[in-house]
Amino acid sequence: MERTVPSTASEEVELYLRTYYSLLRSSAEVQIRTLEEVHAGMNSLMHLGARQQAPDLGAFIYCILRLPGCINQVRLVVLGQSLDVFLRGGIGDVETWETVSATARRRKCYYNGMDTLACFIASQTDIDDVIPLLTAYQIEWNKFHYSLKRLPPSFNLSEIDEDDAVEQYLADALEISWEDTQRLRAVWGKEFVNNLQRMAANPLRLRVQLLSGSVSEYRRATNNWWHNIEKNHPEIKDQPVYFISSNPHSLPNLLTGFALRNQASLVAFLGESENAGLLNEWKRIEKGEVPSSRENFFYYVLKKYMATSLGEKLLPQQRLAENSCGILRIPSSHSFDVEAQVVELSRLNPDWFDPRVIHGDLSFLKRSDALILNIDYPLGLAAYNILSKVSESVGKVLGVYSIGKSASLNATIGDVMIPNVVHDEHSQNTYLIPNGFCAADIVPFLVYGTALDNQKVVSVMGTFLQTAHYMDVFYREGYTDIEMEAGPFLSAVYEMVRPRRHPVNEIVNFYEAPFDLGLIHYVSDIPLGKGKNLGAGSLSYYGLDSTYAAILAVIRRIFYLERKRIGESPSG
């Protein structure tokens, strides 16, 4: 379970890592309060107000969005790699508990309805994510608690929904702005007053237990994940594969055209009163008053519609449409939460494609024996474990493409970053890659953002494990793109093309890789801009602009390469 802390980490970050990994060796539960001082002393760029008496709303909301909503009732968080680990650890069959999830972090979690939360972890990165989240959340919760306890006995929290003056008084007492209370209200919704009352009633005293931190358990969990894919699509062991790490929505939307064929139902859905804003946006798109993509708009509306009781009735039709053109969804089972999709190129129906996908005659697809394996992008080192398993299990890898969110030091939210240099904080390697994409591949499909190629990316260990000085060092070296998966993916790529395990602290040149490589990131955070991160908001509808621009480039690239591979001259 021990990890080597990279030399570029600050002493404060190194101390934090060593502290919680040494504590988690214990078979007993660990009190989060023992980590509060070392967490605050790290001076995380994500939690600069940790030591201040006033709440750090940016950090607190960031945590709220990445922890299940039941966290305010939890007292023990248990971490394990698979169902077997929880059973052997005496926790029981956690899959019989209530399934819970976070708004902005995909992690399979179960709540026992009382005080215990069980979370499946896929790699050490999950630990580096969960522990700082829990610590920051507890620090900020308890700031609220002690401030609320100082309110006069006559103050009634339930009255803040009835009187703006009461809410302003509360904001002043908590030393936060009116705007911050509105942000918190927006995140908590109907639970806003209830959660404030919980905070006033009790301080938070979270405990955490790691059931197993062995590398073998991560491998076993990854094996279980892969065996589930093989069971559902056995042919994948013998066929050539294009590997994509993106999300489970965009690829099927582009290749089935399901949302576009159900446009009438979606427009009718927009006619409901709560969707007035989106309906108005659609009317503006129809009139050409805004440059937004019609297709992206309906993909966004479809997701919202499917979340309603009426829209759920369309789900069987959507799955039938996907299956009829060779797209098979494979949810994860008894392991970490990474959905997979297997796409048979020969069964795709170009007549259903999003118009932007079509580039020349696509009839050659009928003669293809290749598959696309699209996975819901994993977190950090899970990327290494997954791609390593895929590469040793499929017939042949034809391409490796990673699309995901990143933070940027020089761009704005919604921009697209295309790197050709990747520094990995896990291995300390710097990878030079022949990225299969450039700005020209993205620009035709990008309305609101800017495409920036020839960038340099650093793959960090965790969002909280960064300091202002740390970021400044990388920025001075020209690194502008910050994310968590590119480095681990490339460490796996190294082992796919070289006869030994990936090195440490070396410069690695991939310009003679025997398959195609592509990295595309869309900016969701600006850590050097106050409040400009996903703790302050979300990409929302406009975020689809960069997401779909990226996946469109990947699909068109795969079709281009596949046309060449089966013997036709590419056009254009």
Protein backbone atom coordinates (compact mmCIF):
# COMPACT_ATOMS: atom_id res chain seq x y z
CA MET A 1 0.00 0.00 0.00
CA GLU A 2 2.98 2.33 0.45
CA ARG A 3 3.54 4.81 -2.31
CA THR A 4 6.61 6.75 -3.32
CA VAL A 5 5.95 10.48 -3.21
CA PRO A 6 7.33 12.24 -6.31
CA SER A 7 10.23 14.58 -5.67
CA THR A 8 8.37 17.49 -7.26
CA ALA A 9 5.69 17.38 -4.58
CA SER A 10 6.05 20.07 -1.95
CA GLU A 11 7.18 19.05 1.53
CA GLU A 12 3.70 19.87 2.84
CA VAL A 13 1.98 17.64 0.26
CA GLU A 14 4.55 14.89 0.91
CA LEU A 15 3.85 15.08 4.65
CA TYR A 16 0.10 14.87 4.02
CA LEU A 17 0.47 11.80 1.82
CA ARG A 18 2.77 10.01 4.22
CA THR A 19 0.50 10.81 7.14
CA TYR A 20 -2.72 9.38 5.77
CA TYR A 21 -1.10 6.36 4.13
CA SER A 22 0.60 5.44 7.39
CA LEU A 23 -2.68 5.86 9.29
CA LEU A 24 -4.63 3.78 6.75
CA ARG A 25 -2.32 0.83 7.38
CA SER A 26 -4.23 0.34 10.61
CA SER A 27 -6.97 -2.29 10.67
CA ALA A 28 -8.95 0.05 12.92
CA GLU A 29 -11.01 3.05 11.87
CA VAL A 30 -9.09 6.32 11.47
CA GLN A 31 -10.45 9.61 12.78
CA ILE A 32 -10.48 12.27 10.05
CA ARG A 33 -9.78 14.91 12.71
CA THR A 34 -6.21 13.56 12.98
CA LEU A 35 -5.64 14.78 9.41
CA GLU A 36 -7.13 18.26 9.74
CA GLU A 37 -3.92 20.03 10.78
CA VAL A 38 -1.69 18.45 8.14
CA HIS A 39 -4.40 19.06 5.53
CA ALA A 40 -4.63 22.75 6.42
CA GLY A 41 -0.82 23.01 6.55
CA MET A 42 -0.58 21.77 2.97
CA ASN A 43 -2.02 25.11 1.72
CA SER A 44 -3.90 23.38 -1.05
CA LEU A 45 -4.80 25.59 -3.98
CA MET A 46 -8.31 24.13 -3.70
CA HIS A 47 -8.59 24.96 0.02
CA LEU A 48 -6.69 28.17 0.69
CA GLY A 49 -9.13 29.17 3.44
CA ALA A 50 -8.70 26.00 5.49
CA ARG A 51 -7.16 27.82 8.47
CA GLN A 52 -9.49 30.80 8.38
CA GLN A 53 -12.43 31.09 10.74
CA ALA A 54 -14.79 32.02 7.91
CA PRO A 55 -16.01 29.13 5.75
CA ASP A 56 -14.25 28.51 2.46
CA LEU A 57 -17.39 28.13 0.33
CA GLY A 58 -15.49 27.25 -2.82
CA ALA A 59 -13.82 24.26 -1.14
CA PHE A 60 -16.97 23.25 0.71
CA ILE A 61 -19.17 23.23 -2.38
CA TYR A 62 -16.46 21.41 -4.32
CA CYS A 63 -16.65 18.64 -1.70
CA ILE A 64 -20.45 18.61 -1.57
CA LEU A 65 -20.60 18.01 -5.31
CA ARG A 66 -18.13 15.11 -5.08
CA LEU A 67 -19.53 13.29 -2.07
CA PRO A 68 -22.91 11.51 -1.89
CA GLY A 69 -25.71 13.60 -0.41
CA CYS A 70 -26.00 11.25 2.58
CA ILE A 71 -22.52 12.28 3.77
CA ASN A 72 -24.10 14.68 6.27
CA GLN A 73 -25.57 11.65 8.07
CA VAL A 74 -22.53 9.39 7.73
CA ARG A 75 -20.00 8.78 10.49
CA LEU A 76 -17.94 5.96 8.94
CA VAL A 77 -16.64 5.69 5.36
CA VAL A 78 -15.33 2.25 4.34
CA LEU A 79 -13.17 1.84 1.22
CA GLY A 80 -12.69 -1.40 -0.72
CA GLN A 81 -11.96 -2.59 -4.24
CA SER A 82 -14.67 -5.19 -4.71
CA LEU A 83 -17.66 -6.85 -3.11
CA ASP A 84 -15.42 -9.70 -1.92
CA VAL A 85 -13.23 -7.22 -0.03
CA PHE A 86 -16.26 -5.85 1.84
CA LEU A 87 -17.49 -9.36 2.62
CA ARG A 88 -14.08 -10.50 3.89
CA GLY A 89 -13.77 -7.28 5.89
CA GLY A 90 -16.94 -8.07 7.81
CA ILE A 91 -18.94 -5.16 6.37
CA GLY A 92 -21.37 -7.49 4.61
CA ASP A 93 -23.10 -7.43 1.24
CA VAL A 94 -23.01 -3.67 0.69
CA GLU A 95 -24.76 -4.04 -2.67
CA THR A 96 -27.97 -4.70 -0.74
CA TRP A 97 -27.66 -1.21 0.78
CA GLU A 98 -29.05 1.95 -0.77
CA THR A 99 -27.17 3.02 -3.90
CA VAL A 100 -26.01 6.63 -3.58
CA SER A 101 -24.01 8.90 -5.84
CA ALA A 102 -22.37 12.30 -6.05
CA THR A 103 -23.24 15.05 -8.49
CA ALA A 104 -19.75 15.54 -9.90
CA ARG A 105 -17.79 12.39 -9.06
CA ARG A 106 -18.54 8.95 -10.42
CA ARG A 107 -17.86 6.37 -7.74
CA LYS A 108 -19.95 3.34 -6.79
CA CYS A 109 -21.18 3.96 -3.22
CA TYR A 110 -23.71 2.33 -0.91
CA TYR A 111 -25.35 3.72 2.26
CA ASN A 112 -26.66 1.51 5.06
CA GLY A 113 -29.36 4.05 5.96
CA MET A 114 -27.80 4.87 9.31
CA ASP A 115 -24.18 5.94 9.61
CA THR A 116 -21.97 3.97 7.20
CA LEU A 117 -20.99 4.67 3.59
CA ALA A 118 -19.19 1.99 1.54
CA CYS A 119 -17.24 3.16 -1.52
CA PHE A 120 -15.63 1.06 -4.23
CA ILE A 121 -12.15 2.25 -5.18
CA ALA A 122 -10.28 1.43 -8.39
CA SER A 123 -6.75 2.64 -7.56
CA GLN A 124 -4.65 4.65 -5.13
CA THR A 125 -5.97 7.78 -6.85
CA ASP A 126 -9.37 7.14 -5.26
CA ILE A 127 -7.71 7.29 -1.84
CA ASP A 128 -5.90 10.50 -2.82
CA ASP A 129 -9.29 11.88 -3.83
CA VAL A 130 -11.55 10.65 -1.03
CA ILE A 131 -9.35 11.43 1.99
CA PRO A 132 -8.80 15.14 1.16
CA LEU A 133 -12.48 15.49 0.23
CA LEU A 134 -13.61 14.09 3.58
CA THR A 135 -11.07 16.18 5.50
CA ALA A 136 -11.94 19.44 3.74
CA TYR A 137 -15.66 18.71 4.12
CA GLN A 138 -15.30 18.12 7.87
CA ILE A 139 -13.18 21.25 8.39
CA GLU A 140 -15.76 23.43 6.66
CA TRP A 141 -18.79 21.73 8.24
CA ASN A 142 -17.38 22.37 11.69
CA LYS A 143 -16.74 26.04 10.88
CA PHE A 144 -20.45 26.32 10.15
CA HIS A 145 -21.29 24.39 13.32
CA TYR A 146 -19.37 26.66 15.68
CA SER A 147 -20.64 29.83 13.96
CA LEU A 148 -24.24 28.61 14.10
CA LYS A 149 -23.87 27.73 17.77
CA ARG A 150 -23.03 31.38 18.47
CA LEU A 151 -26.33 32.62 17.06
CA PRO A 152 -28.80 33.95 19.67
CA PRO A 153 -31.35 31.41 20.95
CA SER A 154 -34.14 33.48 19.40
CA PHE A 155 -32.76 32.95 15.89
CA ASN A 156 -34.86 30.42 13.96
CA LEU A 157 -33.16 28.77 10.96
CA SER A 158 -36.50 27.70 9.50
CA GLU A 159 -37.40 31.37 8.94
CA ILE A 160 -34.70 31.95 6.31
CA ASP A 161 -37.02 30.60 3.62
CA GLU A 162 -39.56 33.26 4.52
CA ASP A 163 -37.50 36.39 5.08
CA ASP A 164 -34.51 37.60 3.05
CA ALA A 165 -33.42 39.77 5.97
CA VAL A 166 -33.06 36.64 8.11
CA GLU A 167 -30.89 35.03 5.45
CA GLN A 168 -28.71 38.14 5.22
CA TYR A 169 -28.32 38.11 9.01
CA LEU A 170 -27.25 34.46 8.78
CA ALA A 171 -24.73 35.25 6.06
CA ASP A 172 -23.21 38.01 8.16
CA ALA A 173 -23.00 35.74 11.20
CA LEU A 174 -21.25 33.05 9.13
CA GLU A 175 -18.88 35.64 7.61
CA ILE A 176 -19.92 34.75 4.08
CA SER A 177 -21.63 36.79 1.40
CA TRP A 178 -25.28 36.73 0.40
CA GLU A 179 -24.16 35.32 -2.95
CA ASP A 180 -22.43 32.44 -1.17
CA THR A 181 -25.60 31.52 0.69
CA GLN A 182 -27.40 31.42 -2.67
CA ARG A 183 -24.71 29.15 -4.11
CA LEU A 184 -25.10 26.81 -1.15
CA ARG A 185 -28.89 26.94 -1.47
CA ALA A 186 -28.62 26.06 -5.18
CA VAL A 187 -26.42 23.04 -4.42
CA TRP A 188 -28.48 21.70 -1.51
CA GLY A 189 -31.90 22.58 -2.93
CA LYS A 190 -34.76 21.50 -0.67
CA GLU A 191 -32.30 20.24 1.94
CA PHE A 192 -30.79 23.69 2.49
CA VAL A 193 -32.55 24.43 5.80
CA ASN A 194 -32.40 20.81 7.01
CA ASN A 195 -28.65 20.68 6.44
CA LEU A 196 -28.11 23.97 8.24
CA GLN A 197 -30.06 22.59 11.19
CA ARG A 198 -27.92 19.43 11.14
CA MET A 199 -24.79 21.59 11.12
CA ALA A 200 -26.04 23.65 14.03
CA ALA A 201 -26.95 20.54 16.04
CA ASN A 202 -23.71 18.55 15.86
CA PRO A 203 -20.07 18.85 14.86
CA LEU A 204 -18.87 16.35 12.26
CA ARG A 205 -16.60 13.53 13.42
CA LEU A 206 -15.98 11.33 10.39
CA ARG A 207 -14.01 8.10 10.49
CA VAL A 208 -12.53 6.17 7.55
CA GLN A 209 -11.37 2.59 7.11
CA LEU A 210 -9.40 1.12 4.21
CA LEU A 211 -10.14 -2.60 4.05
CA SER A 212 -7.30 -3.46 1.67
CA GLY A 213 -4.66 -1.30 0.04
CA SER A 214 -2.78 -4.03 -1.81
CA VAL A 215 -1.92 -3.71 -5.48
CA SER A 216 -3.19 -7.25 -6.02
CA GLU A 217 -6.71 -6.23 -4.94
CA TYR A 218 -6.73 -3.40 -7.51
CA ARG A 219 -5.65 -5.90 -10.16
CA ARG A 220 -8.30 -8.35 -9.03
CA ALA A 221 -10.97 -5.66 -9.25
CA THR A 222 -9.77 -4.73 -12.75
CA ASN A 223 -9.85 -8.42 -13.76
CA ASN A 224 -13.42 -8.70 -12.52
CA TRP A 225 -14.34 -5.60 -14.52
CA TRP A 226 -12.78 -7.06 -17.68
CA HIS A 227 -14.28 -10.55 -17.27
CA ASN A 228 -17.71 -8.91 -17.25
CA ILE A 229 -16.94 -7.35 -20.65
CA GLU A 230 -15.63 -10.63 -22.07
CA LYS A 231 -18.73 -12.45 -20.82
CA ASN A 232 -21.00 -10.00 -22.63
CA HIS A 233 -18.94 -9.75 -25.83
CA PRO A 234 -16.56 -12.76 -26.13
CA GLU A 235 -15.44 -11.79 -29.66
CA ILE A 236 -13.47 -8.85 -28.26
CA LYS A 237 -10.62 -11.27 -27.44
CA ASP A 238 -9.95 -11.87 -31.14
CA GLN A 239 -10.85 -8.63 -32.92
CA PRO A 240 -8.84 -5.42 -33.45
CA VAL A 241 -9.90 -2.59 -31.14
CA TYR A 242 -9.86 1.20 -31.05
CA PHE A 243 -9.79 2.14 -27.36
CA ILE A 244 -11.54 5.35 -26.25
CA SER A 245 -11.83 6.81 -22.76
CA SER A 246 -14.57 9.44 -22.84
CA ASN A 247 -18.12 9.19 -21.45
CA PRO A 248 -21.09 6.87 -22.02
CA HIS A 249 -23.34 9.42 -23.71
CA SER A 250 -21.64 11.19 -26.60
CA LEU A 251 -20.52 8.24 -28.73
CA PRO A 252 -23.96 6.53 -28.86
CA ASN A 253 -25.67 9.89 -29.45
CA LEU A 254 -23.48 10.61 -32.46
CA LEU A 255 -23.71 7.11 -33.96
CA THR A 256 -27.42 6.38 -33.44
CA GLY A 257 -29.03 9.79 -34.00
CA PHE A 258 -31.68 8.72 -31.48
CA ALA A 259 -32.18 12.21 -30.04
CA LEU A 260 -32.50 13.74 -33.49
CA ARG A 261 -35.09 11.17 -34.58
CA ASN A 262 -37.12 11.91 -31.43
CA GLN A 263 -36.89 15.66 -31.82
CA ALA A 264 -40.68 16.14 -31.70
CA SER A 265 -40.96 14.48 -28.29
CA LEU A 266 -38.08 16.55 -26.95
CA VAL A 267 -39.55 19.84 -28.20
CA ALA A 268 -42.87 18.90 -26.54
CA PHE A 269 -40.95 18.24 -23.32
CA LEU A 270 -39.48 21.74 -23.59
CA GLY A 271 -42.99 23.14 -23.61
CA GLU A 272 -43.33 22.33 -19.91
CA SER A 273 -43.11 25.39 -17.68
CA GLU A 274 -39.90 24.40 -15.87
CA ASN A 275 -38.09 24.16 -19.20
CA ALA A 276 -39.02 27.63 -20.44
CA GLY A 277 -35.40 28.73 -20.60
CA LEU A 278 -34.39 25.80 -22.80
CA LEU A 279 -37.45 26.27 -25.01
CA ASN A 280 -36.47 29.87 -25.54
CA GLU A 281 -32.94 28.76 -26.42
CA TRP A 282 -34.33 26.31 -28.99
CA LYS A 283 -36.40 29.05 -30.61
CA ARG A 284 -33.29 31.23 -30.86
CA ILE A 285 -31.35 28.36 -32.43
CA GLU A 286 -34.16 27.80 -34.95
CA LYS A 287 -34.12 31.49 -35.90
CA GLY A 288 -30.34 31.53 -36.20
CA GLU A 289 -30.03 34.11 -33.42
CA VAL A 290 -27.37 32.03 -31.62
CA PRO A 291 -24.67 29.84 -33.19
CA SER A 292 -25.30 26.85 -30.88
CA SER A 293 -25.29 23.38 -32.41
CA ARG A 294 -28.79 22.04 -32.97
CA GLU A 295 -27.52 18.48 -32.47
CA ASN A 296 -25.70 19.22 -29.20
CA PHE A 297 -28.78 20.99 -27.89
CA PHE A 298 -30.97 17.93 -28.39
CA TYR A 299 -28.37 15.61 -26.84
CA TYR A 300 -28.53 17.77 -23.73
CA VAL A 301 -32.34 17.84 -23.71
CA LEU A 302 -32.50 14.05 -24.19
CA LYS A 303 -30.45 13.51 -21.03
CA LYS A 304 -32.77 15.78 -19.05
CA TYR A 305 -35.84 14.10 -20.56
CA MET A 306 -34.57 10.61 -19.72
CA ALA A 307 -34.29 11.68 -16.08
CA THR A 308 -38.09 12.18 -15.91
CA SER A 309 -40.71 9.49 -15.39
CA LEU A 310 -42.10 10.17 -18.86
CA GLY A 311 -38.71 10.07 -20.52
CA GLU A 312 -37.81 6.75 -18.88
CA LYS A 313 -40.30 5.12 -21.24
CA LEU A 314 -37.97 5.99 -24.12
CA LEU A 315 -35.05 4.10 -22.58
CA PRO A 316 -35.99 0.65 -24.00
CA GLN A 317 -36.33 2.23 -27.46
CA GLN A 318 -32.93 3.87 -27.10
CA ARG A 319 -31.28 0.58 -26.10
CA LEU A 320 -33.01 -1.22 -28.96
CA ALA A 321 -31.73 1.39 -31.43
CA GLU A 322 -28.20 1.03 -30.06
CA ASN A 323 -28.25 -2.77 -30.18
CA SER A 324 -29.65 -2.79 -33.71
CA CYS A 325 -26.58 -0.94 -34.97
CA GLY A 326 -23.98 -2.85 -32.98
CA ILE A 327 -23.59 -0.75 -29.83
CA LEU A 328 -23.61 -2.80 -26.63
CA ARG A 329 -23.54 -1.12 -23.21
CA ILE A 330 -21.90 -3.14 -20.43
CA PRO A 331 -22.38 -1.70 -16.91
CA SER A 332 -19.74 -2.63 -14.33
CA SER A 333 -20.68 -5.43 -11.96
CA HIS A 334 -19.41 -6.05 -8.38
CA SER A 335 -16.53 -3.67 -8.98
CA PHE A 336 -15.69 0.00 -9.58
CA ASP A 337 -18.05 2.15 -11.63
CA VAL A 338 -16.69 2.29 -15.19
CA GLU A 339 -19.28 1.51 -17.85
CA ALA A 340 -18.02 0.08 -21.13
CA GLN A 341 -19.48 0.14 -24.63
CA VAL A 342 -18.50 -2.21 -27.44
CA VAL A 343 -19.23 -0.87 -30.93
CA GLU A 344 -19.09 -3.16 -33.99
CA LEU A 345 -18.11 -0.92 -36.91
CA SER A 346 -19.58 -3.31 -39.49
CA ARG A 347 -23.06 -3.02 -37.98
CA LEU A 348 -23.22 0.78 -37.78
CA ASN A 349 -25.89 2.52 -39.84
CA PRO A 350 -24.44 5.70 -41.44
CA ASP A 351 -27.98 6.86 -42.26
CA TRP A 352 -28.47 7.45 -38.52
CA PHE A 353 -25.21 9.31 -37.91
CA ASP A 354 -25.02 12.87 -36.68
CA PRO A 355 -24.40 14.82 -39.93
CA ARG A 356 -21.05 16.05 -38.61
CA VAL A 357 -19.71 12.49 -38.42
CA ILE A 358 -20.10 11.86 -42.15
CA HIS A 359 -16.97 12.53 -44.19
CA GLY A 360 -16.98 10.86 -47.57
CA ASP A 361 -18.42 7.47 -48.44
CA LEU A 362 -18.70 5.29 -45.34
CA SER A 363 -19.83 2.09 -47.03
CA PHE A 364 -16.42 0.54 -46.27
CA LEU A 365 -17.54 0.15 -42.64
CA LYS A 366 -19.57 -2.93 -43.65
CA ARG A 367 -16.28 -4.74 -44.38
CA SER A 368 -14.61 -3.81 -41.11
CA ASP A 369 -13.78 -6.40 -38.46
CA ALA A 370 -12.78 -3.74 -35.90
CA LEU A 371 -14.45 -2.76 -32.67
CA ILE A 372 -14.52 0.42 -30.65
CA LEU A 373 -14.20 -0.09 -26.89
CA ASN A 374 -15.42 3.08 -25.23
CA ILE A 375 -15.12 3.34 -21.44
CA ASP A 376 -16.46 5.95 -19.06
CA TYR A 377 -13.25 7.78 -18.20
CA PRO A 378 -11.66 6.42 -15.01
CA LEU A 379 -9.96 8.39 -12.25
CA GLY A 380 -6.16 8.65 -12.12
CA LEU A 381 -4.21 5.41 -11.78
CA ALA A 382 -7.29 3.32 -12.63
CA ALA A 383 -6.53 4.41 -16.21
CA TYR A 384 -3.23 2.51 -16.06
CA ASN A 385 -4.84 -0.62 -14.61
CA ILE A 386 -7.65 -0.64 -17.17
CA LEU A 387 -5.62 0.00 -20.31
CA SER A 388 -3.01 -2.55 -19.20
CA LYS A 389 -5.75 -5.17 -18.87
CA VAL A 390 -7.37 -4.22 -22.18
CA SER A 391 -4.08 -4.35 -24.09
CA GLU A 392 -3.28 -7.87 -22.89
CA SER A 393 -6.80 -9.16 -23.56
CA VAL A 394 -7.99 -7.90 -26.97
CA GLY A 395 -6.97 -9.10 -30.41
CA LYS A 396 -4.97 -6.00 -31.39
CA VAL A 397 -4.98 -2.36 -30.34
CA LEU A 398 -5.31 0.00 -33.32
CA GLY A 399 -5.60 3.27 -31.41
CA VAL A 400 -5.71 4.73 -27.90
CA TYR A 401 -7.69 7.93 -27.35
CA SER A 402 -8.35 9.75 -24.09
CA ILE A 403 -10.91 12.56 -23.83
CA GLY A 404 -11.61 14.18 -20.49
CA LYS A 405 -11.91 17.25 -18.30
CA SER A 406 -8.92 19.28 -17.23
CA ALA A 407 -7.94 22.45 -15.43
CA SER A 408 -6.11 25.11 -17.39
CA LEU A 409 -3.66 27.83 -16.42
CA ASN A 410 -4.00 29.77 -19.68
CA ALA A 411 -7.44 29.01 -21.16
CA THR A 412 -11.07 29.53 -20.20
CA ILE A 413 -13.85 27.10 -19.34
CA GLY A 414 -15.06 25.35 -22.49
CA ASP A 415 -11.77 25.61 -24.39
CA VAL A 416 -10.12 22.48 -25.80
CA MET A 417 -6.51 21.54 -25.01
CA ILE A 418 -4.48 19.22 -27.27
CA PRO A 419 -1.12 18.29 -25.69
CA ASN A 420 2.01 16.77 -27.20
CA VAL A 421 3.99 16.66 -23.93
CA VAL A 422 2.76 14.93 -20.78
CA HIS A 423 4.51 14.97 -17.41
CA ASP A 424 3.19 12.25 -15.10
CA GLU A 425 3.47 12.94 -11.36
CA HIS A 426 3.01 9.24 -10.55
CA SER A 427 5.96 7.92 -12.55
CA GLN A 428 7.84 11.23 -12.86
CA ASN A 429 8.17 10.44 -16.57
CA THR A 430 7.80 13.05 -19.29
CA TYR A 431 6.14 11.58 -22.37
CA LEU A 432 6.54 13.07 -25.85
CA ILE A 433 3.60 11.96 -27.96
CA PRO A 434 2.64 12.21 -31.63
CA ASN A 435 -0.88 13.38 -30.85
CA GLY A 436 -3.17 12.32 -33.68
CA PHE A 437 -5.12 15.57 -33.35
CA CYS A 438 -4.49 19.25 -33.93
CA ALA A 439 -6.60 22.38 -33.58
CA ALA A 440 -7.89 22.03 -37.16
CA ASP A 441 -9.64 18.77 -36.20
CA ILE A 442 -11.60 20.53 -33.45
CA VAL A 443 -12.29 24.03 -34.76
CA PRO A 444 -15.04 23.08 -37.30
CA PHE A 445 -17.20 21.71 -34.44
CA LEU A 446 -16.36 24.24 -31.71
CA VAL A 447 -18.71 27.21 -31.43
CA TYR A 448 -18.00 28.85 -28.07
CA GLY A 449 -14.48 27.81 -27.15
CA THR A 450 -10.96 27.94 -28.54
CA ALA A 451 -8.86 24.94 -29.58
CA LEU A 452 -5.27 25.10 -28.32
CA ASP A 453 -2.83 22.50 -29.61
CA ASN A 454 0.89 21.96 -28.89
CA GLN A 455 0.17 22.22 -25.16
CA LYS A 456 1.99 20.60 -22.23
CA VAL A 457 0.00 18.66 -19.64
CA VAL A 458 0.82 17.54 -16.12
CA SER A 459 -1.05 14.54 -14.71
CA VAL A 460 -1.43 15.20 -10.99
CA MET A 461 -2.13 12.79 -8.13
CA GLY A 462 -5.27 14.54 -6.88
CA THR A 463 -7.20 17.78 -7.10
CA PHE A 464 -6.42 18.83 -3.52
CA LEU A 465 -2.75 17.77 -3.74
CA GLN A 466 -1.63 20.97 -5.46
CA THR A 467 -0.30 24.22 -4.05
CA ALA A 468 0.03 27.67 -5.60
CA HIS A 469 3.83 27.29 -5.64
CA TYR A 470 3.47 23.86 -7.24
CA MET A 471 1.32 25.28 -10.03
CA ASP A 472 3.67 28.22 -10.51
CA VAL A 473 6.64 25.89 -11.05
CA PHE A 474 4.84 24.03 -13.81
CA TYR A 475 3.49 27.18 -15.40
CA ARG A 476 7.01 28.60 -15.62
CA GLU A 477 8.02 25.41 -17.45
CA GLY A 478 5.20 25.90 -19.96
CA TYR A 479 2.74 23.36 -18.53
CA THR A 480 -0.77 24.76 -18.89
CA ASP A 481 -3.04 21.69 -18.85
CA ILE A 482 -3.72 19.86 -15.55
CA GLU A 483 -5.58 16.56 -15.30
CA MET A 484 -5.25 13.07 -13.81
CA GLU A 485 -5.39 10.32 -16.47
CA ALA A 486 -3.07 11.07 -19.41
CA GLY A 487 0.10 10.06 -17.55
CA PRO A 488 -1.27 6.73 -16.26
CA PHE A 489 -2.64 5.90 -19.73
CA LEU A 490 0.78 6.59 -21.26
CA SER A 491 2.51 4.46 -18.63
CA ALA A 492 0.32 1.60 -19.85
CA VAL A 493 1.10 2.51 -23.47
CA TYR A 494 4.81 2.25 -22.67
CA GLU A 495 4.31 -1.35 -21.57
CA MET A 496 2.34 -2.03 -24.75
CA VAL A 497 5.27 -1.03 -26.98
CA ARG A 498 8.40 -1.70 -24.89
CA PRO A 499 9.72 -4.97 -23.39
CA ARG A 500 9.77 -3.80 -19.77
CA ARG A 501 7.71 -2.04 -17.13
CA HIS A 502 7.41 1.72 -17.48
CA PRO A 503 10.47 3.56 -16.13
CA VAL A 504 10.65 6.29 -13.48
CA ASN A 505 11.88 9.84 -14.04
CA GLU A 506 12.74 9.47 -17.72
CA ILE A 507 11.90 11.25 -20.96
CA VAL A 508 9.97 8.83 -23.17
CA ASN A 509 9.46 9.35 -26.90
CA PHE A 510 6.39 7.69 -28.43
CA TYR A 511 6.90 8.94 -31.98
CA GLU A 512 7.34 5.38 -33.26
CA ALA A 513 4.34 3.85 -31.49
CA PRO A 514 2.76 1.09 -33.65
CA PHE A 515 -0.77 2.42 -33.11
CA ASP A 516 -2.50 5.78 -33.12
CA LEU A 517 -2.43 8.01 -30.00
CA GLY A 518 -4.73 10.90 -29.20
CA LEU A 519 -5.29 13.11 -26.14
CA ILE A 520 -7.95 15.83 -26.02
CA HIS A 521 -9.00 17.73 -22.89
CA TYR A 522 -11.82 20.21 -22.41
CA VAL A 523 -11.38 22.85 -19.75
CA SER A 524 -13.74 22.65 -16.77
CA ASP A 525 -11.65 24.43 -14.12
CA ILE A 526 -9.44 27.50 -13.90
CA PRO A 527 -7.51 27.06 -10.64
CA LEU A 528 -5.79 30.45 -10.90
CA GLY A 529 -9.14 32.23 -11.34
CA LYS A 530 -11.00 32.77 -8.06
CA GLY A 531 -14.13 30.67 -7.98
CA LYS A 532 -13.72 29.54 -11.57
CA ASN A 533 -13.92 25.82 -11.01
CA LEU A 534 -16.56 23.15 -10.82
CA GLY A 535 -17.06 24.00 -7.17
CA ALA A 536 -18.62 27.23 -8.39
CA GLY A 537 -20.78 25.79 -11.14
CA SER A 538 -20.78 23.28 -13.99
CA LEU A 539 -20.25 23.13 -17.71
CA SER A 540 -24.01 22.84 -18.24
CA TYR A 541 -25.43 22.88 -21.78
CA TYR A 542 -22.59 24.97 -23.19
CA GLY A 543 -20.07 22.42 -21.97
CA LEU A 544 -21.36 20.03 -24.64
CA ASP A 545 -19.77 22.27 -27.25
CA SER A 546 -16.25 21.19 -26.36
CA THR A 547 -17.24 17.65 -25.37
CA TYR A 548 -18.81 16.87 -28.74
CA ALA A 549 -16.12 18.69 -30.71
CA ALA A 550 -13.60 16.32 -29.11
CA ILE A 551 -15.49 13.06 -29.66
CA LEU A 552 -16.38 14.06 -33.22
CA ALA A 553 -12.69 14.45 -33.98
CA VAL A 554 -11.99 10.99 -32.54
CA ILE A 555 -14.76 9.23 -34.49
CA ARG A 556 -13.72 10.87 -37.76
CA ARG A 557 -10.10 9.92 -37.06
CA ILE A 558 -11.04 6.29 -36.46
CA PHE A 559 -13.08 6.16 -39.67
CA TYR A 560 -10.15 7.69 -41.58
CA LEU A 561 -7.70 5.11 -40.23
CA GLU A 562 -10.11 2.22 -40.71
CA ARG A 563 -10.68 3.19 -44.34
CA LYS A 564 -6.91 3.02 -44.87
CA ARG A 565 -6.56 -0.24 -42.95
CA ILE A 566 -9.05 -2.20 -45.04
CA GLY A 567 -7.58 -0.97 -48.30
CA GLU A 568 -9.44 2.09 -49.49
CA SER A 569 -7.81 5.43 -50.21
CA PRO A 570 -8.95 8.08 -47.73
CA SER A 571 -10.68 11.07 -49.20
CA GLY A 572 -10.24 14.66 -48.01
